N, C-alpha and C. Protein backbone atom coordinates (compact mmCIF):
# COMPACT_ATOMS: atom_id res chain seq x y z
N MET A 1 0.83 -1.20 0.00
CA MET A 1 0.00 0.00 0.00
C MET A 1 0.87 1.25 0.00
N LYS A 2 2.01 1.17 0.64
CA LYS A 2 2.87 2.35 0.74
C LYS A 2 3.28 2.84 -0.64
N SER A 3 3.73 1.93 -1.49
CA SER A 3 4.18 2.35 -2.82
C SER A 3 3.01 2.84 -3.67
N VAL A 4 1.84 2.24 -3.49
CA VAL A 4 0.66 2.70 -4.23
C VAL A 4 0.30 4.12 -3.78
N ASN A 5 0.36 4.37 -2.47
CA ASN A 5 0.06 5.72 -1.96
C ASN A 5 1.08 6.74 -2.47
N GLU A 6 2.35 6.36 -2.56
CA GLU A 6 3.36 7.28 -3.07
C GLU A 6 3.09 7.63 -4.53
N GLU A 7 2.74 6.62 -5.32
CA GLU A 7 2.45 6.89 -6.73
C GLU A 7 1.16 7.69 -6.89
N LEU A 8 0.18 7.45 -6.04
CA LEU A 8 -1.05 8.24 -6.08
C LEU A 8 -0.75 9.70 -5.78
N ASN A 9 0.15 9.94 -4.85
CA ASN A 9 0.53 11.31 -4.52
C ASN A 9 1.22 11.98 -5.70
N LYS A 10 2.05 11.23 -6.45
CA LYS A 10 2.68 11.78 -7.66
C LYS A 10 1.63 12.14 -8.71
N ILE A 11 0.64 11.28 -8.86
CA ILE A 11 -0.44 11.55 -9.82
C ILE A 11 -1.20 12.81 -9.40
N ARG A 12 -1.42 12.97 -8.10
CA ARG A 12 -2.10 14.16 -7.59
C ARG A 12 -1.32 15.42 -7.96
N LYS A 13 -0.02 15.38 -7.79
CA LYS A 13 0.82 16.54 -8.12
C LYS A 13 0.80 16.81 -9.62
N GLN A 14 0.86 15.76 -10.43
CA GLN A 14 0.81 15.92 -11.88
C GLN A 14 -0.52 16.50 -12.34
N ALA A 15 -1.59 16.16 -11.64
CA ALA A 15 -2.91 16.67 -11.98
C ALA A 15 -3.09 18.12 -11.54
N GLY A 16 -2.14 18.64 -10.76
CA GLY A 16 -2.20 20.03 -10.32
C GLY A 16 -3.11 20.25 -9.13
N VAL A 17 -3.39 19.21 -8.39
CA VAL A 17 -4.24 19.34 -7.20
C VAL A 17 -3.32 19.58 -6.01
N THR A 18 -3.26 20.84 -5.57
CA THR A 18 -2.37 21.20 -4.47
C THR A 18 -3.14 21.87 -3.33
N ASP A 19 -4.42 21.60 -3.25
CA ASP A 19 -5.24 22.17 -2.17
C ASP A 19 -4.72 21.70 -0.82
N LYS A 20 -5.03 22.51 0.17
CA LYS A 20 -4.64 22.15 1.53
C LYS A 20 -5.38 20.86 1.93
N HIS A 21 -4.67 19.92 2.47
CA HIS A 21 -5.19 18.63 2.96
C HIS A 21 -5.64 17.69 1.84
N SER A 22 -5.44 18.04 0.57
CA SER A 22 -5.88 17.15 -0.50
C SER A 22 -5.10 15.83 -0.49
N LYS A 23 -3.83 15.90 -0.17
CA LYS A 23 -3.00 14.70 -0.12
C LYS A 23 -3.56 13.71 0.90
N TYR A 24 -3.89 14.20 2.07
CA TYR A 24 -4.34 13.32 3.15
C TYR A 24 -5.73 12.76 2.88
N LEU A 25 -6.55 13.52 2.20
CA LEU A 25 -7.87 12.99 1.84
C LEU A 25 -7.75 11.85 0.85
N LEU A 26 -6.80 11.97 -0.08
CA LEU A 26 -6.62 10.92 -1.08
C LEU A 26 -5.99 9.66 -0.47
N LEU A 27 -5.09 9.84 0.48
CA LEU A 27 -4.37 8.71 1.04
C LEU A 27 -5.13 8.01 2.17
N LYS A 28 -6.07 8.71 2.78
CA LYS A 28 -6.83 8.14 3.89
C LYS A 28 -7.83 7.11 3.35
N ASN A 29 -8.10 6.08 4.13
CA ASN A 29 -9.08 5.07 3.74
C ASN A 29 -10.45 5.71 3.60
N ALA A 30 -11.18 5.33 2.58
CA ALA A 30 -12.49 5.93 2.32
C ALA A 30 -13.46 5.66 3.47
N THR A 31 -13.31 4.54 4.13
CA THR A 31 -14.22 4.20 5.22
C THR A 31 -14.00 5.08 6.45
N ASP A 32 -12.83 5.69 6.54
CA ASP A 32 -12.50 6.52 7.70
C ASP A 32 -12.85 8.00 7.51
N LEU A 33 -13.38 8.35 6.36
CA LEU A 33 -13.71 9.75 6.08
C LEU A 33 -15.08 10.11 6.65
N ASN A 34 -15.19 11.32 7.21
CA ASN A 34 -16.51 11.80 7.63
C ASN A 34 -17.18 12.46 6.42
N GLN A 35 -18.40 12.93 6.58
CA GLN A 35 -19.17 13.44 5.45
C GLN A 35 -18.53 14.68 4.83
N ALA A 36 -18.02 15.59 5.64
CA ALA A 36 -17.37 16.79 5.11
C ALA A 36 -16.13 16.42 4.30
N GLN A 37 -15.37 15.45 4.79
CA GLN A 37 -14.18 15.01 4.06
C GLN A 37 -14.56 14.30 2.76
N LYS A 38 -15.64 13.54 2.79
CA LYS A 38 -16.10 12.88 1.57
C LYS A 38 -16.50 13.91 0.52
N ASP A 39 -17.18 14.97 0.93
CA ASP A 39 -17.58 16.03 0.00
C ASP A 39 -16.36 16.71 -0.60
N LYS A 40 -15.38 17.01 0.23
CA LYS A 40 -14.15 17.66 -0.23
C LYS A 40 -13.39 16.74 -1.17
N LEU A 41 -13.34 15.44 -0.85
CA LEU A 41 -12.67 14.47 -1.71
C LEU A 41 -13.35 14.38 -3.06
N GLU A 42 -14.66 14.37 -3.06
CA GLU A 42 -15.41 14.31 -4.32
C GLU A 42 -15.11 15.54 -5.17
N GLU A 43 -14.99 16.68 -4.54
CA GLU A 43 -14.65 17.92 -5.25
C GLU A 43 -13.24 17.82 -5.87
N ILE A 44 -12.32 17.24 -5.14
CA ILE A 44 -10.95 17.07 -5.65
C ILE A 44 -10.93 16.08 -6.81
N LEU A 45 -11.63 14.96 -6.67
CA LEU A 45 -11.63 13.94 -7.72
C LEU A 45 -12.34 14.39 -8.98
N ALA A 46 -13.24 15.37 -8.86
CA ALA A 46 -13.96 15.88 -10.03
C ALA A 46 -13.04 16.66 -10.97
N ARG A 47 -11.90 17.09 -10.48
CA ARG A 47 -10.98 17.89 -11.29
C ARG A 47 -10.19 17.08 -12.30
N SER A 48 -9.97 15.80 -12.01
CA SER A 48 -9.12 14.99 -12.88
C SER A 48 -9.65 13.57 -12.97
N ILE A 49 -9.93 13.13 -14.17
CA ILE A 49 -10.41 11.77 -14.39
C ILE A 49 -9.30 10.77 -14.05
N CYS A 50 -8.08 11.10 -14.41
CA CYS A 50 -6.94 10.24 -14.14
C CYS A 50 -6.78 10.05 -12.62
N LEU A 51 -6.89 11.11 -11.88
CA LEU A 51 -6.77 11.05 -10.42
C LEU A 51 -7.90 10.22 -9.82
N ARG A 52 -9.10 10.36 -10.35
CA ARG A 52 -10.24 9.59 -9.86
C ARG A 52 -10.02 8.09 -10.07
N ILE A 53 -9.57 7.72 -11.25
CA ILE A 53 -9.34 6.30 -11.56
C ILE A 53 -8.24 5.74 -10.66
N ALA A 54 -7.17 6.50 -10.49
CA ALA A 54 -6.06 6.05 -9.63
C ALA A 54 -6.53 5.88 -8.19
N TYR A 55 -7.36 6.80 -7.71
CA TYR A 55 -7.89 6.70 -6.35
C TYR A 55 -8.79 5.47 -6.20
N GLU A 56 -9.64 5.24 -7.18
CA GLU A 56 -10.52 4.08 -7.12
C GLU A 56 -9.73 2.77 -7.16
N LEU A 57 -8.64 2.75 -7.92
CA LEU A 57 -7.79 1.56 -7.95
C LEU A 57 -7.12 1.32 -6.60
N LYS A 58 -6.70 2.41 -5.94
CA LYS A 58 -6.10 2.28 -4.61
C LYS A 58 -7.11 1.69 -3.63
N GLU A 59 -8.32 2.18 -3.67
CA GLU A 59 -9.37 1.68 -2.78
C GLU A 59 -9.73 0.23 -3.11
N GLU A 60 -9.67 -0.12 -4.38
CA GLU A 60 -9.95 -1.50 -4.79
C GLU A 60 -8.88 -2.45 -4.24
N LEU A 61 -7.61 -2.03 -4.28
CA LEU A 61 -6.53 -2.85 -3.73
C LEU A 61 -6.72 -3.02 -2.23
N ARG A 62 -7.07 -1.96 -1.54
CA ARG A 62 -7.32 -2.03 -0.10
C ARG A 62 -8.47 -2.98 0.20
N ALA A 63 -9.49 -2.95 -0.63
CA ALA A 63 -10.65 -3.84 -0.44
C ALA A 63 -10.25 -5.30 -0.63
N ILE A 64 -9.33 -5.57 -1.54
CA ILE A 64 -8.87 -6.95 -1.75
C ILE A 64 -8.24 -7.48 -0.47
N TYR A 65 -7.43 -6.64 0.18
CA TYR A 65 -6.77 -7.07 1.41
C TYR A 65 -7.74 -7.21 2.57
N GLU A 66 -8.78 -6.41 2.63
CA GLU A 66 -9.68 -6.43 3.77
C GLU A 66 -10.76 -7.48 3.69
N THR A 67 -11.09 -7.94 2.51
CA THR A 67 -12.14 -8.95 2.40
C THR A 67 -11.57 -10.32 2.76
N ASN A 68 -12.40 -11.14 3.35
CA ASN A 68 -11.98 -12.50 3.70
C ASN A 68 -12.03 -13.35 2.44
N GLN A 69 -10.87 -13.64 1.91
CA GLN A 69 -10.79 -14.41 0.68
C GLN A 69 -9.86 -15.59 0.89
N SER A 70 -10.05 -16.57 0.05
CA SER A 70 -9.10 -17.68 0.03
C SER A 70 -7.90 -17.24 -0.80
N VAL A 71 -6.85 -18.02 -0.76
CA VAL A 71 -5.65 -17.68 -1.51
C VAL A 71 -5.96 -17.67 -3.01
N LYS A 72 -6.77 -18.61 -3.44
CA LYS A 72 -7.10 -18.73 -4.86
C LYS A 72 -7.87 -17.50 -5.36
N SER A 73 -8.88 -17.08 -4.61
CA SER A 73 -9.66 -15.90 -5.04
C SER A 73 -8.84 -14.63 -4.91
N ALA A 74 -7.94 -14.57 -3.92
CA ALA A 74 -7.08 -13.41 -3.77
C ALA A 74 -6.13 -13.31 -4.95
N ARG A 75 -5.60 -14.44 -5.41
CA ARG A 75 -4.73 -14.44 -6.60
C ARG A 75 -5.45 -13.90 -7.82
N ARG A 76 -6.68 -14.38 -8.01
CA ARG A 76 -7.47 -13.90 -9.16
C ARG A 76 -7.71 -12.40 -9.07
N SER A 77 -8.12 -11.95 -7.88
CA SER A 77 -8.41 -10.52 -7.69
C SER A 77 -7.16 -9.67 -7.89
N LEU A 78 -6.05 -10.12 -7.35
CA LEU A 78 -4.81 -9.36 -7.50
C LEU A 78 -4.33 -9.35 -8.95
N ASN A 79 -4.45 -10.47 -9.64
CA ASN A 79 -4.06 -10.51 -11.05
C ASN A 79 -4.91 -9.56 -11.88
N LYS A 80 -6.21 -9.55 -11.63
CA LYS A 80 -7.10 -8.65 -12.35
C LYS A 80 -6.73 -7.19 -12.04
N TRP A 81 -6.47 -6.90 -10.74
CA TRP A 81 -6.10 -5.54 -10.35
C TRP A 81 -4.79 -5.13 -11.01
N LEU A 82 -3.81 -6.04 -11.06
CA LEU A 82 -2.52 -5.73 -11.66
C LEU A 82 -2.63 -5.40 -13.14
N GLN A 83 -3.50 -6.10 -13.86
CA GLN A 83 -3.68 -5.83 -15.28
C GLN A 83 -4.23 -4.42 -15.52
N ILE A 84 -5.18 -4.02 -14.69
CA ILE A 84 -5.78 -2.69 -14.85
C ILE A 84 -4.85 -1.60 -14.32
N ALA A 85 -4.21 -1.85 -13.19
CA ALA A 85 -3.45 -0.82 -12.49
C ALA A 85 -2.09 -0.55 -13.08
N GLN A 86 -1.58 -1.40 -13.94
CA GLN A 86 -0.24 -1.19 -14.46
C GLN A 86 -0.11 0.10 -15.26
N VAL A 87 -1.20 0.64 -15.73
CA VAL A 87 -1.17 1.92 -16.44
C VAL A 87 -0.85 3.06 -15.48
N PHE A 88 -1.40 3.02 -14.28
CA PHE A 88 -1.25 4.11 -13.33
C PHE A 88 -0.12 3.86 -12.32
N TYR A 89 0.06 2.62 -11.94
CA TYR A 89 1.00 2.28 -10.87
C TYR A 89 2.08 1.33 -11.40
N GLN A 90 2.95 1.81 -12.27
CA GLN A 90 3.97 0.95 -12.88
C GLN A 90 4.91 0.37 -11.83
N LYS A 91 5.46 1.19 -10.97
CA LYS A 91 6.43 0.74 -9.98
C LYS A 91 5.79 -0.23 -8.98
N SER A 92 4.61 0.09 -8.51
CA SER A 92 3.92 -0.76 -7.53
C SER A 92 3.54 -2.11 -8.12
N THR A 93 3.05 -2.11 -9.34
CA THR A 93 2.67 -3.38 -9.95
C THR A 93 3.89 -4.25 -10.20
N ARG A 94 5.02 -3.63 -10.55
CA ARG A 94 6.26 -4.39 -10.72
C ARG A 94 6.67 -5.04 -9.39
N THR A 95 6.58 -4.28 -8.31
CA THR A 95 6.94 -4.80 -6.99
C THR A 95 6.00 -5.92 -6.58
N ILE A 96 4.72 -5.75 -6.80
CA ILE A 96 3.74 -6.79 -6.43
C ILE A 96 3.98 -8.06 -7.24
N ARG A 97 4.26 -7.90 -8.53
CA ARG A 97 4.53 -9.09 -9.35
C ARG A 97 5.79 -9.82 -8.87
N THR A 98 6.80 -9.05 -8.46
CA THR A 98 8.05 -9.66 -7.98
C THR A 98 7.80 -10.49 -6.73
N HIS A 99 6.97 -10.00 -5.83
CA HIS A 99 6.72 -10.67 -4.54
C HIS A 99 5.33 -11.29 -4.47
N PHE A 100 4.81 -11.69 -5.62
CA PHE A 100 3.41 -12.12 -5.71
C PHE A 100 3.09 -13.30 -4.79
N ASP A 101 3.93 -14.32 -4.77
CA ASP A 101 3.64 -15.50 -3.95
C ASP A 101 3.64 -15.15 -2.46
N GLY A 102 4.60 -14.35 -2.04
CA GLY A 102 4.66 -13.94 -0.64
C GLY A 102 3.46 -13.10 -0.25
N ILE A 103 3.02 -12.23 -1.15
CA ILE A 103 1.84 -11.41 -0.89
C ILE A 103 0.59 -12.29 -0.78
N CYS A 104 0.49 -13.27 -1.64
CA CYS A 104 -0.67 -14.17 -1.59
C CYS A 104 -0.66 -15.03 -0.33
N ASN A 105 0.51 -15.30 0.22
CA ASN A 105 0.58 -16.07 1.45
C ASN A 105 -0.05 -15.34 2.62
N TYR A 106 -0.16 -14.02 2.51
CA TYR A 106 -0.83 -13.24 3.55
C TYR A 106 -2.26 -13.75 3.76
N PHE A 107 -2.91 -14.18 2.71
CA PHE A 107 -4.31 -14.59 2.78
C PHE A 107 -4.50 -15.96 3.43
N ILE A 108 -3.42 -16.68 3.69
CA ILE A 108 -3.54 -17.98 4.36
C ILE A 108 -3.90 -17.75 5.83
N SER A 109 -3.11 -16.94 6.52
CA SER A 109 -3.36 -16.74 7.95
C SER A 109 -3.56 -15.27 8.32
N ARG A 110 -3.49 -14.38 7.34
CA ARG A 110 -3.67 -12.93 7.53
C ARG A 110 -2.74 -12.37 8.60
N THR A 111 -1.50 -12.80 8.53
CA THR A 111 -0.50 -12.25 9.43
C THR A 111 0.63 -11.64 8.61
N THR A 112 1.30 -10.68 9.21
CA THR A 112 2.44 -10.05 8.56
C THR A 112 3.67 -10.26 9.42
N SER A 113 4.78 -9.81 8.93
CA SER A 113 6.03 -9.94 9.68
C SER A 113 6.29 -8.73 10.56
N GLY A 114 5.29 -7.91 10.78
CA GLY A 114 5.44 -6.67 11.55
C GLY A 114 5.92 -6.91 12.97
N VAL A 115 5.40 -7.92 13.64
CA VAL A 115 5.81 -8.20 15.01
C VAL A 115 7.29 -8.60 15.05
N MET A 116 7.68 -9.44 14.13
CA MET A 116 9.08 -9.87 14.09
C MET A 116 10.00 -8.69 13.77
N GLU A 117 9.58 -7.82 12.88
CA GLU A 117 10.37 -6.63 12.57
C GLU A 117 10.55 -5.76 13.81
N GLY A 118 9.52 -5.64 14.61
CA GLY A 118 9.59 -4.86 15.84
C GLY A 118 10.56 -5.46 16.84
N ILE A 119 10.54 -6.78 16.96
CA ILE A 119 11.47 -7.47 17.86
C ILE A 119 12.91 -7.25 17.40
N ASN A 120 13.13 -7.39 16.10
CA ASN A 120 14.48 -7.18 15.56
C ASN A 120 14.96 -5.75 15.82
N ASN A 121 14.09 -4.77 15.65
CA ASN A 121 14.47 -3.37 15.92
C ASN A 121 14.82 -3.18 17.38
N ARG A 122 14.08 -3.81 18.27
CA ARG A 122 14.35 -3.68 19.70
C ARG A 122 15.70 -4.30 20.06
N ILE A 123 16.01 -5.45 19.46
CA ILE A 123 17.30 -6.10 19.70
C ILE A 123 18.45 -5.21 19.20
N LYS A 124 18.26 -4.62 18.02
CA LYS A 124 19.30 -3.73 17.48
C LYS A 124 19.50 -2.51 18.38
N LEU A 125 18.42 -1.99 18.95
CA LEU A 125 18.52 -0.86 19.86
C LEU A 125 19.32 -1.24 21.11
N ILE A 126 19.04 -2.40 21.66
CA ILE A 126 19.77 -2.87 22.84
C ILE A 126 21.25 -3.07 22.51
N MET A 127 21.53 -3.58 21.32
CA MET A 127 22.92 -3.74 20.90
C MET A 127 23.63 -2.39 20.80
N ARG A 128 22.95 -1.39 20.26
CA ARG A 128 23.54 -0.05 20.15
C ARG A 128 23.77 0.56 21.52
N GLN A 129 22.81 0.37 22.42
CA GLN A 129 22.96 0.93 23.76
C GLN A 129 24.12 0.28 24.51
N GLY A 130 24.37 -0.97 24.25
CA GLY A 130 25.44 -1.69 24.93
C GLY A 130 26.73 -1.73 24.14
N TYR A 131 26.89 -0.83 23.19
CA TYR A 131 28.08 -0.83 22.35
C TYR A 131 29.34 -0.70 23.20
N GLY A 132 30.30 -1.54 22.94
CA GLY A 132 31.54 -1.51 23.69
C GLY A 132 31.59 -2.57 24.76
N LEU A 133 30.46 -3.13 25.11
CA LEU A 133 30.45 -4.20 26.12
C LEU A 133 30.65 -5.53 25.39
N ALA A 134 31.68 -6.24 25.76
CA ALA A 134 32.01 -7.47 25.05
C ALA A 134 31.44 -8.71 25.71
N ASN A 135 30.73 -8.56 26.79
CA ASN A 135 30.23 -9.69 27.55
C ASN A 135 28.87 -10.13 27.02
N PHE A 136 28.80 -11.32 26.41
CA PHE A 136 27.56 -11.82 25.85
C PHE A 136 26.52 -12.09 26.93
N ASP A 137 26.96 -12.50 28.11
CA ASP A 137 26.01 -12.82 29.19
C ASP A 137 25.24 -11.58 29.62
N ASN A 138 25.91 -10.42 29.66
CA ASN A 138 25.21 -9.17 29.98
C ASN A 138 24.20 -8.82 28.89
N PHE A 139 24.59 -9.01 27.63
CA PHE A 139 23.68 -8.74 26.50
C PHE A 139 22.46 -9.64 26.59
N ARG A 140 22.68 -10.92 26.87
CA ARG A 140 21.59 -11.88 27.00
C ARG A 140 20.66 -11.48 28.15
N SER A 141 21.24 -11.06 29.26
CA SER A 141 20.44 -10.64 30.41
C SER A 141 19.59 -9.42 30.09
N ARG A 142 20.16 -8.47 29.34
CA ARG A 142 19.41 -7.28 28.94
C ARG A 142 18.26 -7.65 28.02
N LEU A 143 18.50 -8.58 27.09
CA LEU A 143 17.44 -9.04 26.19
C LEU A 143 16.31 -9.70 26.97
N LEU A 144 16.67 -10.58 27.87
CA LEU A 144 15.65 -11.28 28.65
C LEU A 144 14.86 -10.30 29.53
N ALA A 145 15.54 -9.31 30.08
CA ALA A 145 14.85 -8.32 30.91
C ALA A 145 13.91 -7.45 30.06
N CYS A 146 14.35 -7.17 28.85
CA CYS A 146 13.54 -6.32 27.97
C CYS A 146 12.26 -7.02 27.50
N PHE A 147 12.37 -8.31 27.19
CA PHE A 147 11.24 -9.01 26.60
C PHE A 147 10.41 -9.81 27.60
N SER A 148 10.77 -9.80 28.87
CA SER A 148 9.95 -10.50 29.85
C SER A 148 8.87 -9.56 30.37
N ASN A 149 7.72 -10.08 30.59
CA ASN A 149 6.61 -9.23 31.06
C ASN A 149 6.28 -9.52 32.48
């Protein structure tokens, strides 16, 4: 989603939409918008057909991830989305195609590696804080103290 949002923001700039808060209205999930924001978003999307299509494709990709689908139906939906979206999101579609199997594995258990990434960052922080200490036992003790509840 991050790369799709970045490309959507580039399309917004190319369309000449530089209103205050227009970027955040386009990048925010449609379900999280209140009525005033929806009206403002509709006004922004009315200015550019290209921007409207790109926004709708972004929301369609988000919907694919949020719906409860099997791996097989998710593959079909993503393939269909990739065929349509490659006109607007060249870089993102290339990235998705490269990691397609891994992305589809998300639909098996709907988990990401976010928790593991957080643990790794915490370990790296502890290593930086203890820089210069050569004793592994102290490092191990700090790790155990950090992650015990």
